[in-house]
Amino acid sequence: MLSKESEPAGPKTFSRGLDIMDVLRHAGDEGLRVTEIARLAGVQRTSVYRFLDVLIDHGYLLEPDEQRRYVFNHARLAVQPSIAGTIERLKPVLQRISAQTGDSSFLVRREDGDSLCVHRELGSYPVQVLTVTIGYRQPMGVGAAGLALLSSLADEDIDLVLTANDKKLPRFGGMSSSQMRRLIQTTRERGWSAVGNAAVPGVMGVGVPLLRRTGAPIFAVSVSSVIDRMPLKRQKFIIDVIRRELETVYV
């Protein structure tokens, strides 16, 4: 570690912390290792470790994975104070949903043409969906919560989102814009979304949007589990649980 005499203070310390954040913010979902962060930010490795601990404590970084790669938590900066308050009120709702279903539940909001996971709760079933974490982004419509959000938008907004994501969608199970439009139509007719074997092979999720009193979507909530655990009857049960819990929330 650096000694107090050699440790940069004040604005210089703050500037180095911002440099590290900026490097990680542009690194994408794969993240970076400490040696890469130090090289790109021009900061000594010993200092990088200290900054990383602070950034994790304050929610700006996700916990490092098994390969010790650090990933920026886009959800931390994307959430406005008013939205953050709603997220806090929804956390116990997701806890109750996961407790009743035994499966992972997810709270997602729109971020441009993507869906952004802003909270996750785990259930009691031995096999949980862990791939989607807080801060995880993917094209809107790929996951169950994102499809619920996308389907609740006006047709003009849907066109804009699909145009922006046209080249991204094939990376998710070979999805295309025309297939996404059919999913949107089915979701609107059914009243809730269902997505299987798309973002995560072998996993299925169902979801519904949370609407403002004006009818505009603000969030979506989904529950995901292994696909063998999601027959139609159970999908309907989960949707009933989600809707019943969301009725307790006013946004």
C-alpha atoms as a PDB file:
ATOM      1  CA  MET A   1       0.000   0.000   0.000  1.00  0.00           C
ATOM      2  CA  LEU A   2       1.054   3.604  -0.478  1.00  0.00           C
ATOM      3  CA  SER A   3       2.347   5.498   2.554  1.00  0.00           C
ATOM      4  CA  LYS A   4       0.537   8.596   3.720  1.00  0.00           C
ATOM      5  CA  GLU A   5       3.478  10.683   2.499  1.00  0.00           C
ATOM      6  CA  SER A   6       3.323   9.310  -1.050  1.00  0.00           C
ATOM      7  CA  GLU A   7      -0.460   8.969  -1.292  1.00  0.00           C
ATOM      8  CA  PRO A   8      -2.006  11.614  -3.558  1.00  0.00           C
ATOM      9  CA  ALA A   9      -4.524  13.793  -1.774  1.00  0.00           C
ATOM     10  CA  GLY A  10      -7.475  15.971  -2.544  1.00  0.00           C
ATOM     11  CA  PRO A  11      -8.371  16.681  -6.180  1.00  0.00           C
ATOM     12  CA  LYS A  12      -5.642  14.387  -7.537  1.00  0.00           C
ATOM     13  CA  THR A  13      -7.039  11.417  -5.600  1.00  0.00           C
ATOM     14  CA  PHE A  14     -10.562  12.239  -6.748  1.00  0.00           C
ATOM     15  CA  SER A  15      -9.361  12.567 -10.354  1.00  0.00           C
ATOM     16  CA  ARG A  16      -7.725   9.131 -10.264  1.00  0.00           C
ATOM     17  CA  GLY A  17     -10.909   7.594  -8.902  1.00  0.00           C
ATOM     18  CA  LEU A  18     -12.860   9.140 -11.783  1.00  0.00           C
ATOM     19  CA  ASP A  19     -10.278   7.836 -14.264  1.00  0.00           C
ATOM     20  CA  ILE A  20     -10.796   4.298 -12.955  1.00  0.00           C
ATOM     21  CA  MET A  21     -14.582   4.668 -13.125  1.00  0.00           C
ATOM     22  CA  ASP A  22     -14.343   5.975 -16.674  1.00  0.00           C
ATOM     23  CA  VAL A  23     -12.142   3.073 -17.791  1.00  0.00           C
ATOM     24  CA  LEU A  24     -14.566   0.533 -16.334  1.00  0.00           C
ATOM     25  CA  ARG A  25     -17.627   2.355 -17.639  1.00  0.00           C
ATOM     26  CA  HIS A  26     -16.353   1.928 -21.192  1.00  0.00           C
ATOM     27  CA  ALA A  27     -15.127  -1.645 -20.714  1.00  0.00           C
ATOM     28  CA  GLY A  28     -18.534  -3.234 -21.339  1.00  0.00           C
ATOM     29  CA  ASP A  29     -20.111  -6.229 -19.642  1.00  0.00           C
ATOM     30  CA  GLU A  30     -16.903  -8.304 -19.767  1.00  0.00           C
ATOM     31  CA  GLY A  31     -15.148  -5.967 -17.352  1.00  0.00           C
ATOM     32  CA  LEU A  32     -11.410  -5.682 -16.664  1.00  0.00           C
ATOM     33  CA  ARG A  33      -8.776  -7.180 -14.389  1.00  0.00           C
ATOM     34  CA  VAL A  34      -6.770  -5.030 -11.991  1.00  0.00           C
ATOM     35  CA  THR A  35      -3.663  -5.042 -14.192  1.00  0.00           C
ATOM     36  CA  GLU A  36      -5.729  -3.829 -17.162  1.00  0.00           C
ATOM     37  CA  ILE A  37      -7.407  -1.119 -15.080  1.00  0.00           C
ATOM     38  CA  ALA A  38      -4.046   0.106 -13.782  1.00  0.00           C
ATOM     39  CA  ARG A  39      -2.571   0.286 -17.280  1.00  0.00           C
ATOM     40  CA  LEU A  40      -5.554   2.027 -18.887  1.00  0.00           C
ATOM     41  CA  ALA A  41      -6.140   4.482 -16.044  1.00  0.00           C
ATOM     42  CA  GLY A  42      -2.444   5.174 -15.412  1.00  0.00           C
ATOM     43  CA  VAL A  43      -2.805   4.378 -11.722  1.00  0.00           C
ATOM     44  CA  GLN A  44      -0.581   2.103  -9.608  1.00  0.00           C
ATOM     45  CA  ARG A  45      -2.044  -1.330  -8.876  1.00  0.00           C
ATOM     46  CA  THR A  46      -1.879  -0.786  -5.110  1.00  0.00           C
ATOM     47  CA  SER A  47      -4.003   2.345  -5.499  1.00  0.00           C
ATOM     48  CA  VAL A  48      -6.399   0.609  -7.891  1.00  0.00           C
ATOM     49  CA  TYR A  49      -7.283  -1.969  -5.235  1.00  0.00           C
ATOM     50  CA  ARG A  50      -8.190   0.767  -2.754  1.00  0.00           C
ATOM     51  CA  PHE A  51     -10.350   2.586  -5.279  1.00  0.00           C
ATOM     52  CA  LEU A  52     -12.099  -0.629  -6.324  1.00  0.00           C
ATOM     53  CA  ASP A  53     -13.047  -1.431  -2.729  1.00  0.00           C
ATOM     54  CA  VAL A  54     -14.598   2.003  -2.304  1.00  0.00           C
ATOM     55  CA  LEU A  55     -16.465   1.847  -5.636  1.00  0.00           C
ATOM     56  CA  ILE A  56     -17.905  -1.578  -4.764  1.00  0.00           C
ATOM     57  CA  ASP A  57     -18.981  -0.375  -1.311  1.00  0.00           C
ATOM     58  CA  HIS A  58     -20.866   2.515  -2.904  1.00  0.00           C
ATOM     59  CA  GLY A  59     -22.487   0.368  -5.593  1.00  0.00           C
ATOM     60  CA  TYR A  60     -20.620   1.719  -8.629  1.00  0.00           C
ATOM     61  CA  LEU A  61     -19.030  -1.659  -9.395  1.00  0.00           C
ATOM     62  CA  LEU A  62     -20.371  -5.193  -9.280  1.00  0.00           C
ATOM     63  CA  GLU A  63     -18.577  -7.773  -7.157  1.00  0.00           C
ATOM     64  CA  PRO A  64     -15.747  -9.346  -9.210  1.00  0.00           C
ATOM     65  CA  ASP A  65     -16.407 -12.698 -10.853  1.00  0.00           C
ATOM     66  CA  GLU A  66     -14.333 -15.880 -10.450  1.00  0.00           C
ATOM     67  CA  GLN A  67     -11.785 -14.499 -12.937  1.00  0.00           C
ATOM     68  CA  ARG A  68     -11.433 -11.341 -10.813  1.00  0.00           C
ATOM     69  CA  ARG A  69     -12.875  -9.124 -13.526  1.00  0.00           C
ATOM     70  CA  TYR A  70     -14.502  -5.904 -12.364  1.00  0.00           C
ATOM     71  CA  VAL A  71     -17.652  -4.667 -14.119  1.00  0.00           C
ATOM     72  CA  PHE A  72     -19.193  -1.209 -13.913  1.00  0.00           C
ATOM     73  CA  ASN A  73     -22.708  -1.132 -12.447  1.00  0.00           C
ATOM     74  CA  HIS A  74     -24.605   0.940 -15.017  1.00  0.00           C
ATOM     75  CA  ALA A  75     -27.726   0.705 -12.893  1.00  0.00           C
ATOM     76  CA  ARG A  76     -26.070   2.935 -10.271  1.00  0.00           C
ATOM     77  CA  LEU A  77     -25.800   5.947 -12.562  1.00  0.00           C
ATOM     78  CA  ALA A  78     -28.893   5.287 -14.648  1.00  0.00           C
ATOM     79  CA  VAL A  79     -31.319   5.583 -11.737  1.00  0.00           C
ATOM     80  CA  GLN A  80     -32.678   9.039 -10.923  1.00  0.00           C
ATOM     81  CA  PRO A  81     -33.450   9.841  -7.265  1.00  0.00           C
ATOM     82  CA  SER A  82     -37.214   9.571  -7.826  1.00  0.00           C
ATOM     83  CA  ILE A  83     -36.743   6.215  -9.536  1.00  0.00           C
ATOM     84  CA  ALA A  84     -34.389   5.040  -6.794  1.00  0.00           C
ATOM     85  CA  GLY A  85     -37.129   5.625  -4.212  1.00  0.00           C
ATOM     86  CA  THR A  86     -39.536   3.475  -6.204  1.00  0.00           C
ATOM     87  CA  ILE A  87     -36.933   0.717  -6.463  1.00  0.00           C
ATOM     88  CA  GLU A  88     -36.570   0.712  -2.679  1.00  0.00           C
ATOM     89  CA  ARG A  89     -40.347   0.350  -2.313  1.00  0.00           C
ATOM     90  CA  LEU A  90     -40.344  -2.521  -4.800  1.00  0.00           C
ATOM     91  CA  LYS A  91     -37.589  -4.563  -3.157  1.00  0.00           C
ATOM     92  CA  PRO A  92     -39.929  -6.113  -0.533  1.00  0.00           C
ATOM     93  CA  VAL A  93     -42.415  -6.821  -3.333  1.00  0.00           C
ATOM     94  CA  LEU A  94     -39.800  -8.861  -5.194  1.00  0.00           C
ATOM     95  CA  GLN A  95     -38.851 -10.597  -1.961  1.00  0.00           C
ATOM     96  CA  ARG A  96     -42.452 -11.723  -1.508  1.00  0.00           C
ATOM     97  CA  ILE A  97     -42.700 -12.830  -5.143  1.00  0.00           C
ATOM     98  CA  SER A  98     -39.576 -14.980  -4.839  1.00  0.00           C
ATOM     99  CA  ALA A  99     -40.755 -16.348  -1.496  1.00  0.00           C
ATOM    100  CA  GLN A 100     -44.073 -17.455  -3.001  1.00  0.00           C
ATOM    101  CA  THR A 101     -42.688 -18.850  -6.255  1.00  0.00           C
ATOM    102  CA  GLY A 102     -39.360 -20.178  -5.011  1.00  0.00           C
ATOM    103  CA  ASP A 103     -37.645 -18.689  -8.067  1.00  0.00           C
ATOM    104  CA  SER A 104     -35.544 -15.677  -9.000  1.00  0.00           C
ATOM    105  CA  SER A 105     -37.427 -12.428  -9.578  1.00  0.00           C
ATOM    106  CA  PHE A 106     -36.138  -9.419 -11.488  1.00  0.00           C
ATOM    107  CA  LEU A 107     -36.949  -5.710 -11.591  1.00  0.00           C
ATOM    108  CA  VAL A 108     -36.111  -4.107 -14.931  1.00  0.00           C
ATOM    109  CA  ARG A 109     -36.378  -0.623 -16.373  1.00  0.00           C
ATOM    110  CA  ARG A 110     -35.823   0.843 -19.815  1.00  0.00           C
ATOM    111  CA  GLU A 111     -32.441   2.332 -20.678  1.00  0.00           C
ATOM    112  CA  ASP A 112     -32.619   3.648 -24.263  1.00  0.00           C
ATOM    113  CA  GLY A 113     -33.164   0.547 -26.402  1.00  0.00           C
ATOM    114  CA  ASP A 114     -32.088  -1.845 -23.668  1.00  0.00           C
ATOM    115  CA  SER A 115     -33.605  -3.343 -20.569  1.00  0.00           C
ATOM    116  CA  LEU A 116     -31.572  -2.785 -17.404  1.00  0.00           C
ATOM    117  CA  CYS A 117     -31.850  -4.992 -14.324  1.00  0.00           C
ATOM    118  CA  VAL A 118     -32.006  -2.763 -11.237  1.00  0.00           C
ATOM    119  CA  HIS A 119     -32.831  -5.403  -8.624  1.00  0.00           C
ATOM    120  CA  ARG A 120     -32.891  -9.176  -8.202  1.00  0.00           C
ATOM    121  CA  GLU A 121     -34.151 -11.524  -5.526  1.00  0.00           C
ATOM    122  CA  LEU A 122     -33.461 -15.236  -5.219  1.00  0.00           C
ATOM    123  CA  GLY A 123     -35.945 -17.927  -4.251  1.00  0.00           C
ATOM    124  CA  SER A 124     -35.693 -21.157  -2.299  1.00  0.00           C
ATOM    125  CA  TYR A 125     -35.660 -23.622  -5.203  1.00  0.00           C
ATOM    126  CA  PRO A 126     -32.243 -25.365  -5.396  1.00  0.00           C
ATOM    127  CA  VAL A 127     -31.611 -24.206  -8.983  1.00  0.00           C
ATOM    128  CA  GLN A 128     -31.698 -20.423  -9.370  1.00  0.00           C
ATOM    129  CA  VAL A 129     -31.173 -18.201 -12.425  1.00  0.00           C
ATOM    130  CA  LEU A 130     -27.965 -16.312 -11.604  1.00  0.00           C
ATOM    131  CA  THR A 131     -26.878 -15.135 -15.073  1.00  0.00           C
ATOM    132  CA  VAL A 132     -28.840 -11.868 -14.916  1.00  0.00           C
ATOM    133  CA  THR A 133     -27.469  -9.631 -12.163  1.00  0.00           C
ATOM    134  CA  ILE A 134     -28.084  -6.054 -11.058  1.00  0.00           C
ATOM    135  CA  GLY A 135     -26.653  -3.803 -13.749  1.00  0.00           C
ATOM    136  CA  TYR A 136     -27.084  -6.394 -16.520  1.00  0.00           C
ATOM    137  CA  ARG A 137     -28.197  -4.901 -19.852  1.00  0.00           C
ATOM    138  CA  GLN A 138     -29.562  -6.545 -22.961  1.00  0.00           C
ATOM    139  CA  PRO A 139     -31.693  -5.468 -25.936  1.00  0.00           C
ATOM    140  CA  MET A 140     -35.228  -4.759 -24.811  1.00  0.00           C
ATOM    141  CA  GLY A 141     -37.477  -7.717 -25.559  1.00  0.00           C
ATOM    142  CA  VAL A 142     -34.866 -10.442 -25.218  1.00  0.00           C
ATOM    143  CA  GLY A 143     -35.836 -11.313 -21.635  1.00  0.00           C
ATOM    144  CA  ALA A 144     -39.301 -11.690 -20.160  1.00  0.00           C
ATOM    145  CA  ALA A 145     -39.248  -8.388 -18.254  1.00  0.00           C
ATOM    146  CA  GLY A 146     -37.832  -6.548 -21.276  1.00  0.00           C
ATOM    147  CA  LEU A 147     -40.500  -8.044 -23.536  1.00  0.00           C
ATOM    148  CA  ALA A 148     -43.199  -6.983 -21.085  1.00  0.00           C
ATOM    149  CA  LEU A 149     -41.790  -3.440 -21.177  1.00  0.00           C
ATOM    150  CA  LEU A 150     -41.398  -3.373 -24.947  1.00  0.00           C
ATOM    151  CA  SER A 151     -44.920  -4.675 -25.554  1.00  0.00           C
ATOM    152  CA  SER A 152     -46.394  -1.915 -23.384  1.00  0.00           C
ATOM    153  CA  LEU A 153     -44.798   0.889 -25.417  1.00  0.00           C
ATOM    154  CA  ALA A 154     -46.546   2.809 -28.162  1.00  0.00           C
ATOM    155  CA  ASP A 155     -46.077   1.359 -31.644  1.00  0.00           C
ATOM    156  CA  GLU A 156     -43.864   4.293 -32.669  1.00  0.00           C
ATOM    157  CA  ASP A 157     -41.522   3.676 -29.744  1.00  0.00           C
ATOM    158  CA  ILE A 158     -41.399  -0.035 -30.528  1.00  0.00           C
ATOM    159  CA  ASP A 159     -40.302   0.774 -34.073  1.00  0.00           C
ATOM    160  CA  LEU A 160     -37.467   2.946 -32.756  1.00  0.00           C
ATOM    161  CA  VAL A 161     -36.269   0.266 -30.325  1.00  0.00           C
ATOM    162  CA  LEU A 162     -36.334  -2.514 -32.919  1.00  0.00           C
ATOM    163  CA  THR A 163     -34.475  -0.376 -35.434  1.00  0.00           C
ATOM    164  CA  ALA A 164     -31.771   0.396 -32.864  1.00  0.00           C
ATOM    165  CA  ASN A 165     -31.434  -3.271 -31.899  1.00  0.00           C
ATOM    166  CA  ASP A 166     -31.720  -4.847 -35.326  1.00  0.00           C
ATOM    167  CA  LYS A 167     -28.058  -5.930 -35.440  1.00  0.00           C
ATOM    168  CA  LYS A 168     -27.900  -6.935 -31.774  1.00  0.00           C
ATOM    169  CA  LEU A 169     -30.856  -9.300 -31.670  1.00  0.00           C
ATOM    170  CA  PRO A 170     -29.325 -12.197 -33.673  1.00  0.00           C
ATOM    171  CA  ARG A 171     -26.797 -12.734 -30.870  1.00  0.00           C
ATOM    172  CA  PHE A 172     -29.645 -13.891 -28.640  1.00  0.00           C
ATOM    173  CA  GLY A 173     -30.818 -17.220 -29.928  1.00  0.00           C
ATOM    174  CA  GLY A 174     -30.875 -15.985 -33.533  1.00  0.00           C
ATOM    175  CA  MET A 175     -33.657 -13.515 -32.752  1.00  0.00           C
ATOM    176  CA  SER A 176     -34.779 -11.133 -35.520  1.00  0.00           C
ATOM    177  CA  SER A 177     -36.868  -7.970 -35.537  1.00  0.00           C
ATOM    178  CA  SER A 178     -39.728  -9.776 -37.308  1.00  0.00           C
ATOM    179  CA  GLN A 179     -39.705 -12.526 -34.668  1.00  0.00           C
ATOM    180  CA  MET A 180     -39.686  -9.886 -31.942  1.00  0.00           C
ATOM    181  CA  ARG A 181     -42.743  -8.244 -33.475  1.00  0.00           C
ATOM    182  CA  ARG A 182     -44.582 -11.577 -33.335  1.00  0.00           C
ATOM    183  CA  LEU A 183     -43.598 -11.974 -29.673  1.00  0.00           C
ATOM    184  CA  ILE A 184     -44.898  -8.476 -28.967  1.00  0.00           C
ATOM    185  CA  GLN A 185     -48.214  -9.288 -30.620  1.00  0.00           C
ATOM    186  CA  THR A 186     -48.518 -12.552 -28.668  1.00  0.00           C
ATOM    187  CA  THR A 187     -47.641 -10.780 -25.415  1.00  0.00           C
ATOM    188  CA  ARG A 188     -50.300  -8.132 -25.978  1.00  0.00           C
ATOM    189  CA  GLU A 189     -52.930 -10.762 -26.756  1.00  0.00           C
ATOM    190  CA  ARG A 190     -51.987 -12.953 -23.776  1.00  0.00           C
ATOM    191  CA  GLY A 191     -51.557 -10.076 -21.349  1.00  0.00           C
ATOM    192  CA  TRP A 192     -48.108 -11.099 -20.099  1.00  0.00           C
ATOM    193  CA  SER A 193     -44.735 -12.035 -21.568  1.00  0.00           C
ATOM    194  CA  ALA A 194     -43.109 -15.455 -21.804  1.00  0.00           C
ATOM    195  CA  VAL A 195     -39.574 -16.002 -23.105  1.00  0.00           C
ATOM    196  CA  GLY A 196     -37.661 -19.281 -23.193  1.00  0.00           C
ATOM    197  CA  ASN A 197     -34.230 -20.299 -24.481  1.00  0.00           C
ATOM    198  CA  ALA A 198     -33.307 -16.777 -25.585  1.00  0.00           C
ATOM    199  CA  ALA A 199     -30.888 -14.788 -23.406  1.00  0.00           C
ATOM    200  CA  VAL A 200     -30.139 -17.849 -21.257  1.00  0.00           C
ATOM    201  CA  PRO A 201     -30.467 -21.346 -22.804  1.00  0.00           C
ATOM    202  CA  GLY A 202     -32.571 -23.747 -20.756  1.00  0.00           C
ATOM    203  CA  VAL A 203     -34.272 -20.924 -18.855  1.00  0.00           C
ATOM    204  CA  MET A 204     -37.788 -19.528 -19.168  1.00  0.00           C
ATOM    205  CA  GLY A 205     -39.211 -16.339 -17.736  1.00  0.00           C
ATOM    206  CA  VAL A 206     -42.604 -14.668 -17.497  1.00  0.00           C
ATOM    207  CA  GLY A 207     -43.264 -11.009 -16.776  1.00  0.00           C
ATOM    208  CA  VAL A 208     -45.620  -8.060 -16.618  1.00  0.00           C
ATOM    209  CA  PRO A 209     -45.038  -4.299 -16.776  1.00  0.00           C
ATOM    210  CA  LEU A 210     -45.583  -1.886 -13.922  1.00  0.00           C
ATOM    211  CA  LEU A 211     -47.442   1.116 -15.282  1.00  0.00           C
ATOM    212  CA  ARG A 212     -47.796   4.655 -14.029  1.00  0.00           C
ATOM    213  CA  ARG A 213     -51.299   5.952 -13.463  1.00  0.00           C
ATOM    214  CA  THR A 214     -50.976   7.552 -16.898  1.00  0.00           C
ATOM    215  CA  GLY A 215     -50.511   4.112 -18.431  1.00  0.00           C
ATOM    216  CA  ALA A 216     -46.831   4.651 -19.252  1.00  0.00           C
ATOM    217  CA  PRO A 217     -44.526   1.754 -18.322  1.00  0.00           C
ATOM    218  CA  ILE A 218     -41.955   2.506 -15.627  1.00  0.00           C
ATOM    219  CA  PHE A 219     -40.675  -0.975 -14.713  1.00  0.00           C
ATOM    220  CA  ALA A 220     -41.329  -4.613 -15.444  1.00  0.00           C
ATOM    221  CA  VAL A 221     -41.123  -7.584 -13.114  1.00  0.00           C
ATOM    222  CA  SER A 222     -40.312 -11.110 -14.204  1.00  0.00           C
ATOM    223  CA  VAL A 223     -39.692 -14.516 -12.656  1.00  0.00           C
ATOM    224  CA  SER A 224     -37.321 -17.010 -14.275  1.00  0.00           C
ATOM    225  CA  SER A 225     -36.522 -20.642 -13.700  1.00  0.00           C
ATOM    226  CA  VAL A 226     -35.284 -23.733 -15.519  1.00  0.00           C
ATOM    227  CA  ILE A 227     -37.584 -24.402 -18.433  1.00  0.00           C
ATOM    228  CA  ASP A 228     -38.745 -27.822 -17.157  1.00  0.00           C
ATOM    229  CA  ARG A 229     -40.178 -26.037 -14.119  1.00  0.00           C
ATOM    230  CA  MET A 230     -42.307 -23.646 -16.205  1.00  0.00           C
ATOM    231  CA  PRO A 231     -45.339 -25.423 -17.721  1.00  0.00           C
ATOM    232  CA  LEU A 232     -48.238 -23.175 -18.707  1.00  0.00           C
ATOM    233  CA  LYS A 233     -50.171 -23.794 -15.502  1.00  0.00           C
ATOM    234  CA  ARG A 234     -47.234 -22.654 -13.393  1.00  0.00           C
ATOM    235  CA  GLN A 235     -46.608 -19.662 -15.633  1.00  0.00           C
ATOM    236  CA  LYS A 236     -50.170 -18.499 -14.935  1.00  0.00           C
ATOM    237  CA  PHE A 237     -49.693 -19.044 -11.205  1.00  0.00           C
ATOM    238  CA  ILE A 238     -46.529 -16.913 -11.232  1.00  0.00           C
ATOM    239  CA  ILE A 239     -48.205 -14.134 -13.196  1.00  0.00           C
ATOM    240  CA  ASP A 240     -51.057 -14.091 -10.666  1.00  0.00           C
ATOM    241  CA  VAL A 241     -48.515 -13.752  -7.857  1.00  0.00           C
ATOM    242  CA  ILE A 242     -46.696 -10.889  -9.597  1.00  0.00           C
ATOM    243  CA  ARG A 243     -49.909  -9.002 -10.389  1.00  0.00           C
ATOM    244  CA  ARG A 244     -51.258  -9.422  -6.875  1.00  0.00           C
ATOM    245  CA  GLU A 245     -48.054  -8.068  -5.368  1.00  0.00           C
ATOM    246  CA  LEU A 246     -47.788  -5.164  -7.827  1.00  0.00           C
ATOM    247  CA  GLU A 247     -51.301  -4.064  -6.868  1.00  0.00           C
ATOM    248  CA  THR A 248     -49.829  -2.963  -3.543  1.00  0.00           C
ATOM    249  CA  VAL A 249     -47.518  -0.462  -5.263  1.00  0.00           C
ATOM    250  CA  TYR A 250     -48.530   3.019  -6.438  1.00  0.00           C
ATOM    251  CA  VAL A 251     -46.251   4.844  -8.884  1.00  0.00           C
END
